């Protein structure tokens, strides 16, 4: 059998993709097993029948038992099995690779975000591109102008590089960080104004600005829907909310009401913030309707992306600010485990039968 150059290339790409996917499965499922151990250390061993149901569902509906480990985590957290759950590795390996992954990568470029979204909700002040400073309108500026832009109205600002995520590589900067002569060598990134968070969030997280994660999806008819929401708050020693230390509280996606329990990073359940004593049950996120409306409207501007996680916070005056967005590897596992299934009706369960997008 003779294969053309194009055929050989396609075979090689398929083999490389399959190998990479297998490695990702191993990584995600290693994390799943570690998370299952953490959950079970808190609330006991998961019922064997639930675990068997996870295995069957992964094979029969999602095409492989490789997707069972994260289903087991969800079942352990919720105490039951629910049809329609999307495992963490299925979302990243299957859904992401078959739903316009190239467009999703744009959201990683924080310097490019406002070119796409064009919104005053972003607290962007200025940018760095290849060692050149730019204003919010992308006009080149010199360092004295930059310093005035950043600190004439703010004591400190946040610098986020294009590659930063999950609170990593975010730097708090003051006027003193900029030398009188010479330049700071910074990677491509954005300078953002601090958010003066609403008193509700300040009571929960006095130091670090709390974030509300709202997940929107492109529905089958092309409209945008809100599928999940949760609150992330820091500890008293945090100046930034970082994923490795955050407390997450599920929210009712329609009303913004907080769930009865929040979860520490290792899935320990708490009914109040360990440091501030703020009790979760009975409270609702202020201006939540405005926040979901903003996220939906922004997603409508870029329907190329099937699923986006938006990190927002409302200020003292009620204005909703957008802190981050993630259209690729946005976290779904927490929402699925605590409030899911969140993504039923999107036909994601059948995507494994399709070839990944090149």
Protein backbone atom coordinates (compact mmCIF):
# COMPACT_ATOMS: atom_id res chain seq x y z
CA UNK A 1 0.00 0.00 0.00
CA UNK A 2 1.38 3.39 -1.03
CA UNK A 3 0.61 6.38 1.13
CA UNK A 4 0.82 9.95 -0.13
CA UNK A 5 2.74 12.62 1.76
CA UNK A 6 -0.53 14.10 3.02
CA UNK A 7 -1.73 10.68 4.21
CA UNK A 8 1.50 10.04 6.06
CA UNK A 9 1.25 13.46 7.68
CA UNK A 10 -2.33 12.79 8.77
CA UNK A 11 -1.37 9.41 10.24
CA UNK A 12 1.50 11.03 12.10
CA UNK A 13 -0.75 13.79 13.45
CA UNK A 14 -3.34 11.25 14.59
CA UNK A 15 -0.67 9.22 16.41
CA UNK A 16 0.80 12.31 18.06
CA UNK A 17 -2.65 13.53 19.10
CA UNK A 18 -3.55 10.14 20.51
CA UNK A 19 -0.32 9.98 22.49
CA UNK A 20 -0.82 13.50 23.88
CA UNK A 21 -4.43 12.73 24.82
CA UNK A 22 -3.35 9.58 26.65
CA UNK A 23 -0.84 11.56 28.68
CA UNK A 24 -3.50 14.13 29.54
CA UNK A 25 -5.90 11.40 30.62
CA UNK A 26 -3.25 10.02 32.96
CA UNK A 27 -2.60 13.45 34.45
CA UNK A 28 -6.27 14.34 34.94
CA UNK A 29 -7.11 10.95 36.39
CA UNK A 30 -4.16 11.07 38.76
CA UNK A 31 -5.63 14.32 40.06
CA UNK A 32 -9.08 12.72 40.22
CA UNK A 33 -7.83 9.85 42.37
CA UNK A 34 -6.10 12.30 44.70
CA UNK A 35 -9.30 14.34 44.99
CA UNK A 36 -11.39 11.24 45.67
CA UNK A 37 -9.06 10.32 48.52
CA UNK A 38 -9.46 13.83 49.97
CA UNK A 39 -13.24 13.70 49.77
CA UNK A 40 -13.42 10.22 51.29
CA UNK A 41 -11.08 11.22 54.09
CA UNK A 42 -13.73 13.77 55.09
CA UNK A 43 -16.94 11.80 54.63
CA UNK A 44 -16.10 8.11 54.37
CA UNK A 45 -15.76 5.57 51.59
CA UNK A 46 -18.07 6.04 48.61
CA UNK A 47 -20.77 3.42 48.09
CA UNK A 48 -19.54 0.72 45.71
CA UNK A 49 -22.77 0.85 43.71
CA UNK A 50 -22.15 4.52 42.93
CA UNK A 51 -18.65 3.78 41.72
CA UNK A 52 -19.93 0.97 39.51
CA UNK A 53 -22.52 3.33 38.06
CA UNK A 54 -19.74 5.79 37.22
CA UNK A 55 -17.81 3.07 35.38
CA UNK A 56 -20.88 2.02 33.39
CA UNK A 57 -21.85 5.57 32.46
CA UNK A 58 -18.32 6.46 31.36
CA UNK A 59 -18.18 3.44 29.07
CA UNK A 60 -21.73 3.43 27.73
CA UNK A 61 -22.34 7.17 27.30
CA UNK A 62 -18.91 8.80 27.08
CA UNK A 63 -17.13 6.02 25.23
CA UNK A 64 -14.42 5.01 27.71
CA UNK A 65 -13.81 4.13 31.35
CA UNK A 66 -11.03 6.71 31.26
CA UNK A 67 -13.73 9.22 32.13
CA UNK A 68 -14.90 7.38 35.24
CA UNK A 69 -12.44 8.78 37.83
CA UNK A 70 -13.85 12.30 37.79
CA UNK A 71 -17.40 10.95 37.84
CA UNK A 72 -16.43 9.12 41.05
CA UNK A 73 -15.29 12.42 42.57
CA UNK A 74 -18.62 14.03 41.70
CA UNK A 75 -20.53 11.08 43.13
CA UNK A 76 -18.50 11.15 46.34
CA UNK A 77 -19.09 14.88 46.83
CA UNK A 78 -22.82 14.76 46.09
CA UNK A 79 -23.57 11.34 47.60
CA UNK A 80 -25.41 10.15 44.50
CA UNK A 81 -24.99 9.58 40.78
CA UNK A 82 -26.46 12.05 38.30
CA UNK A 83 -26.76 11.45 34.58
CA UNK A 84 -25.41 14.27 32.47
CA UNK A 85 -22.24 14.98 34.43
CA UNK A 86 -19.25 16.01 32.29
CA UNK A 87 -15.96 14.67 33.71
CA UNK A 88 -13.07 17.10 33.96
CA UNK A 89 -10.88 15.17 31.51
CA UNK A 90 -13.77 14.67 29.06
CA UNK A 91 -14.29 18.43 28.97
CA UNK A 92 -10.64 19.21 28.30
CA UNK A 93 -9.69 16.30 26.04
CA UNK A 94 -12.94 15.88 24.10
CA UNK A 95 -15.14 18.99 24.28
CA UNK A 96 -12.32 21.52 24.04
CA UNK A 97 -10.59 19.78 21.13
CA UNK A 98 -13.81 19.54 19.12
CA UNK A 99 -15.24 22.99 19.80
CA UNK A 100 -13.01 25.60 18.12
CA UNK A 101 -9.91 25.34 20.32
CA UNK A 102 -8.01 27.92 18.24
CA UNK A 103 -10.53 30.68 19.06
CA UNK A 104 -10.43 29.77 22.74
CA UNK A 105 -6.70 30.49 22.93
CA UNK A 106 -7.35 34.18 22.25
CA UNK A 107 -8.68 34.54 25.79
CA UNK A 108 -5.22 33.78 27.17
CA UNK A 109 -3.91 37.06 25.73
CA UNK A 110 -4.84 39.63 28.35
CA UNK A 111 -3.36 42.39 26.19
CA UNK A 112 -5.84 41.47 23.44
CA UNK A 113 -8.97 41.00 25.55
CA UNK A 114 -10.37 44.52 25.26
CA UNK A 115 -9.84 44.50 21.52
CA UNK A 116 -12.34 41.65 21.40
CA UNK A 117 -14.74 42.47 24.22
CA UNK A 118 -14.58 46.30 23.99
CA UNK A 119 -16.06 46.88 27.43
CA UNK A 120 -15.69 49.44 30.19
CA UNK A 121 -16.14 46.58 32.63
CA UNK A 122 -12.45 45.73 32.25
CA UNK A 123 -10.27 47.64 34.73
CA UNK A 124 -7.43 47.88 32.19
CA UNK A 125 -5.22 50.95 32.50
CA UNK A 126 -2.30 50.27 30.17
CA UNK A 127 -0.37 47.51 28.41
CA UNK A 128 3.15 46.26 27.71
CA UNK A 129 3.89 44.79 24.29
CA UNK A 130 7.48 43.88 23.38
CA UNK A 131 8.87 46.34 25.96
CA UNK A 132 6.73 49.20 24.64
CA UNK A 133 4.13 50.82 26.91
CA UNK A 134 0.68 51.52 25.51
CA UNK A 135 -2.33 53.40 26.85
CA UNK A 136 -5.71 51.69 27.21
CA UNK A 137 -6.42 52.91 23.66
CA UNK A 138 -3.17 51.33 22.43
CA UNK A 139 -1.37 54.60 21.89
CA UNK A 140 2.38 54.28 22.63
CA UNK A 141 3.38 56.19 25.78
CA UNK A 142 6.63 56.82 27.61
CA UNK A 143 7.35 55.66 31.14
CA UNK A 144 6.51 59.01 32.86
CA UNK A 145 3.08 58.98 31.18
CA UNK A 146 2.59 55.37 32.19
CA UNK A 147 3.43 56.08 35.84
CA UNK A 148 1.00 59.01 35.88
CA UNK A 149 -1.71 56.88 34.27
CA UNK A 150 -1.25 54.13 36.82
CA UNK A 151 -0.73 56.02 40.07
CA UNK A 152 -2.30 59.47 39.88
CA UNK A 153 -5.56 57.86 41.04
CA UNK A 154 -4.38 54.58 42.58
CA UNK A 155 -1.88 53.67 45.29
CA UNK A 156 -1.25 50.33 43.68
CA UNK A 157 -2.13 48.45 40.49
CA UNK A 158 -2.08 44.84 39.36
CA UNK A 159 0.13 43.59 36.55
CA UNK A 160 -0.95 40.40 34.80
CA UNK A 161 1.17 38.82 32.10
CA UNK A 162 -0.46 37.29 29.05
CA UNK A 163 0.40 33.83 30.36
CA UNK A 164 -0.84 34.28 33.93
CA UNK A 165 -3.70 32.16 35.24
CA UNK A 166 -5.29 31.00 38.49
CA UNK A 167 -3.82 33.99 40.32
CA UNK A 168 -0.26 32.98 39.46
CA UNK A 169 2.21 35.52 38.02
CA UNK A 170 0.04 38.44 39.14
CA UNK A 171 2.14 41.23 40.65
CA UNK A 172 0.98 44.11 42.83
CA UNK A 173 2.94 47.25 41.86
CA UNK A 174 3.37 50.72 43.36
CA UNK A 175 4.92 53.91 42.04
CA UNK A 176 8.17 53.03 43.80
CA UNK A 177 8.56 49.94 41.61
CA UNK A 178 9.31 52.12 38.58
CA UNK A 179 12.90 53.45 38.42
CA UNK A 180 13.52 57.10 37.73
CA UNK A 181 15.84 56.12 34.93
CA UNK A 182 15.78 53.03 32.77
CA UNK A 183 12.84 50.73 32.26
CA UNK A 184 11.33 47.72 33.91
CA UNK A 185 11.70 44.59 31.80
CA UNK A 186 8.20 43.21 31.88
CA UNK A 187 6.61 40.46 29.79
CA UNK A 188 3.64 41.28 27.58
CA UNK A 189 0.79 42.05 29.91
CA UNK A 190 -1.83 44.42 31.28
CA UNK A 191 -1.88 46.89 34.16
CA UNK A 192 -5.27 46.88 35.91
CA UNK A 193 -6.82 49.20 38.48
CA UNK A 194 -7.72 47.74 41.88
CA UNK A 195 -11.38 46.91 42.39
CA UNK A 196 -13.07 48.54 45.37
CA UNK A 197 -15.24 45.59 46.19
CA UNK A 198 -18.77 45.82 47.50
CA UNK A 199 -19.16 45.62 51.31
CA UNK A 200 -20.71 42.17 50.92
CA UNK A 201 -17.46 40.80 49.49
CA UNK A 202 -15.34 42.81 51.89
CA UNK A 203 -17.08 41.13 54.83
CA UNK A 204 -16.18 37.77 53.37
CA UNK A 205 -12.69 38.54 52.11
CA UNK A 206 -11.30 41.79 53.58
CA UNK A 207 -7.85 41.59 52.00
CA UNK A 208 -8.14 39.82 48.66
CA UNK A 209 -10.79 40.86 46.16
CA UNK A 210 -13.43 38.13 45.96
CA UNK A 211 -14.42 36.80 42.56
CA UNK A 212 -17.65 35.40 41.22
CA UNK A 213 -17.07 32.77 38.54
CA UNK A 214 -19.94 32.68 36.05
CA UNK A 215 -19.85 30.03 33.32
CA UNK A 216 -21.74 30.73 30.11
CA UNK A 217 -22.23 28.45 27.12
CA UNK A 218 -23.32 28.76 23.53
CA UNK A 219 -26.59 26.88 23.36
CA UNK A 220 -27.63 24.66 20.45
CA UNK A 221 -29.69 27.48 18.95
CA UNK A 222 -26.79 29.94 19.15
CA UNK A 223 -28.08 31.87 22.16
CA UNK A 224 -25.96 32.30 25.30
CA UNK A 225 -26.98 30.71 28.58
CA UNK A 226 -25.69 30.83 32.17
CA UNK A 227 -24.83 27.29 33.23
CA UNK A 228 -22.96 27.59 36.53
CA UNK A 229 -21.73 30.03 39.15
CA UNK A 230 -19.66 29.99 42.30
CA UNK A 231 -17.93 32.42 44.64
CA UNK A 232 -14.19 32.37 45.37
CA UNK A 233 -12.80 34.13 48.43
CA UNK A 234 -9.34 34.25 49.98
CA UNK A 235 -8.00 33.70 53.47
CA UNK A 236 -7.09 36.54 55.84
CA UNK A 237 -3.41 36.32 54.89
CA UNK A 238 -4.04 36.53 51.14
CA UNK A 239 -3.55 39.68 49.11
CA UNK A 240 -4.86 37.84 46.04
CA UNK A 241 -7.38 35.04 45.66
CA UNK A 242 -5.35 32.11 44.36
CA UNK A 243 -6.81 28.78 43.31
CA UNK A 244 -4.46 26.84 45.59
CA UNK A 245 -5.84 28.59 48.69
CA UNK A 246 -9.33 29.76 47.75
CA UNK A 247 -12.61 28.91 49.46
CA UNK A 248 -15.31 28.12 46.90
CA UNK A 249 -19.02 28.47 47.55
CA UNK A 250 -21.58 27.24 44.99
CA UNK A 251 -24.16 29.80 43.88
CA UNK A 252 -27.66 29.41 42.57
CA UNK A 253 -27.16 30.37 38.93
CA UNK A 254 -30.52 32.16 38.76
CA UNK A 255 -30.48 34.19 41.98
CA UNK A 256 -26.87 34.26 43.19
CA UNK A 257 -27.86 32.71 46.53
CA UNK A 258 -24.95 31.10 48.36
CA UNK A 259 -25.05 27.40 49.09
CA UNK A 260 -25.13 26.10 52.64
CA UNK A 261 -21.52 24.94 52.47
CA UNK A 262 -18.27 26.23 51.05
CA UNK A 263 -15.28 24.06 50.23
CA UNK A 264 -11.63 24.42 51.16
CA UNK A 265 -9.00 23.42 48.54
CA UNK A 266 -9.00 19.79 49.71
CA UNK A 267 -12.80 19.53 49.63
CA UNK A 268 -13.32 20.06 53.35
CA UNK A 269 -16.86 21.41 53.84
CA UNK A 270 -17.38 24.51 55.97
CA UNK A 271 -20.59 26.43 56.64
CA UNK A 272 -18.78 29.70 57.39
CA UNK A 273 -15.56 31.43 56.38
CA UNK A 274 -12.83 30.06 58.70
CA UNK A 275 -11.32 33.51 59.30
CA UNK A 276 -14.18 36.02 59.15
CA UNK A 277 -16.94 33.77 60.48
CA UNK A 278 -19.27 34.84 57.66
CA UNK A 279 -22.02 32.21 57.33
CA UNK A 280 -22.86 31.30 53.76
CA UNK A 281 -26.46 30.13 54.02
CA UNK A 282 -29.10 32.84 53.68
CA UNK A 283 -26.92 35.32 51.75
CA UNK A 284 -26.92 36.27 48.07
CA UNK A 285 -24.32 37.93 45.86
CA UNK A 286 -25.29 41.58 45.26
CA UNK A 287 -25.96 42.72 41.68
CA UNK A 288 -25.82 39.11 40.52
CA UNK A 289 -28.39 39.74 37.80
CA UNK A 290 -26.24 42.55 36.40
CA UNK A 291 -23.23 40.25 36.50
CA UNK A 292 -24.91 37.44 34.55
CA UNK A 293 -26.32 39.93 32.04
CA UNK A 294 -22.84 41.35 31.49
CA UNK A 295 -21.30 37.92 30.98
CA UNK A 296 -24.00 36.88 28.53
CA UNK A 297 -23.66 40.09 26.53
CA UNK A 298 -19.88 39.71 26.33
CA UNK A 299 -20.16 36.09 25.22
CA UNK A 300 -22.58 37.18 22.50
CA UNK A 301 -19.75 39.26 21.03
CA UNK A 302 -17.58 36.17 20.57
CA UNK A 303 -19.88 33.18 19.92
CA UNK A 304 -16.91 31.32 18.41
CA UNK A 305 -16.19 30.07 21.93
CA UNK A 306 -18.59 27.40 23.22
CA UNK A 307 -17.92 27.79 26.95
CA UNK A 308 -16.42 30.70 28.89
CA UNK A 309 -15.65 31.16 32.57
CA UNK A 310 -15.92 34.81 33.65
CA UNK A 311 -14.45 36.15 36.90
CA UNK A 312 -16.34 39.26 38.00
CA UNK A 313 -16.88 41.38 41.11
CA UNK A 314 -19.22 44.28 41.88
CA UNK A 315 -17.80 47.50 43.28
CA UNK A 316 -19.14 49.75 46.04
CA UNK A 317 -21.36 51.62 43.57
CA UNK A 318 -22.75 48.40 42.11
CA UNK A 319 -20.76 48.45 38.87
CA UNK A 320 -19.71 44.97 37.81
CA UNK A 321 -16.07 44.62 36.83
CA UNK A 322 -14.57 41.83 34.74
CA UNK A 323 -11.29 40.57 36.19
CA UNK A 324 -10.55 37.53 34.00
CA UNK A 325 -12.08 35.32 31.33
CA UNK A 326 -11.13 31.83 30.25
CA UNK A 327 -12.47 30.21 27.13
CA UNK A 328 -10.29 27.12 27.13
CA UNK A 329 -9.31 25.32 30.30
CA UNK A 330 -11.92 26.93 32.51
CA UNK A 331 -12.75 24.93 35.60
CA UNK A 332 -16.01 22.96 35.48
CA UNK A 333 -15.30 20.26 38.05
CA UNK A 334 -16.31 22.25 41.12
CA UNK A 335 -19.67 23.26 39.65
CA UNK A 336 -20.34 19.75 38.37
CA UNK A 337 -19.57 18.19 41.75
CA UNK A 338 -21.55 20.65 43.86
CA UNK A 339 -24.38 21.82 41.60
CA UNK A 340 -24.29 19.69 38.45
CA UNK A 341 -25.04 18.38 36.02
CA UNK A 342 -24.65 21.89 34.58
CA UNK A 343 -24.24 21.16 30.87
CA UNK A 344 -27.13 18.91 29.93
CA UNK A 345 -28.82 19.57 26.60
CA UNK A 346 -25.65 20.73 24.80
CA UNK A 347 -24.98 17.36 23.13
CA UNK A 348 -21.49 17.26 24.60
CA UNK A 349 -21.92 13.58 25.48
CA UNK A 350 -21.78 12.61 21.79
CA UNK A 351 -18.72 14.69 20.87
CA UNK A 352 -16.31 11.79 21.49
CA UNK A 353 -17.59 10.26 18.24
CA UNK A 354 -16.33 13.24 16.23
CA UNK A 355 -12.77 13.91 15.08
CA UNK A 356 -10.93 16.71 16.93
CA UNK A 357 -10.59 20.05 15.15
CA UNK A 358 -7.18 20.42 13.53
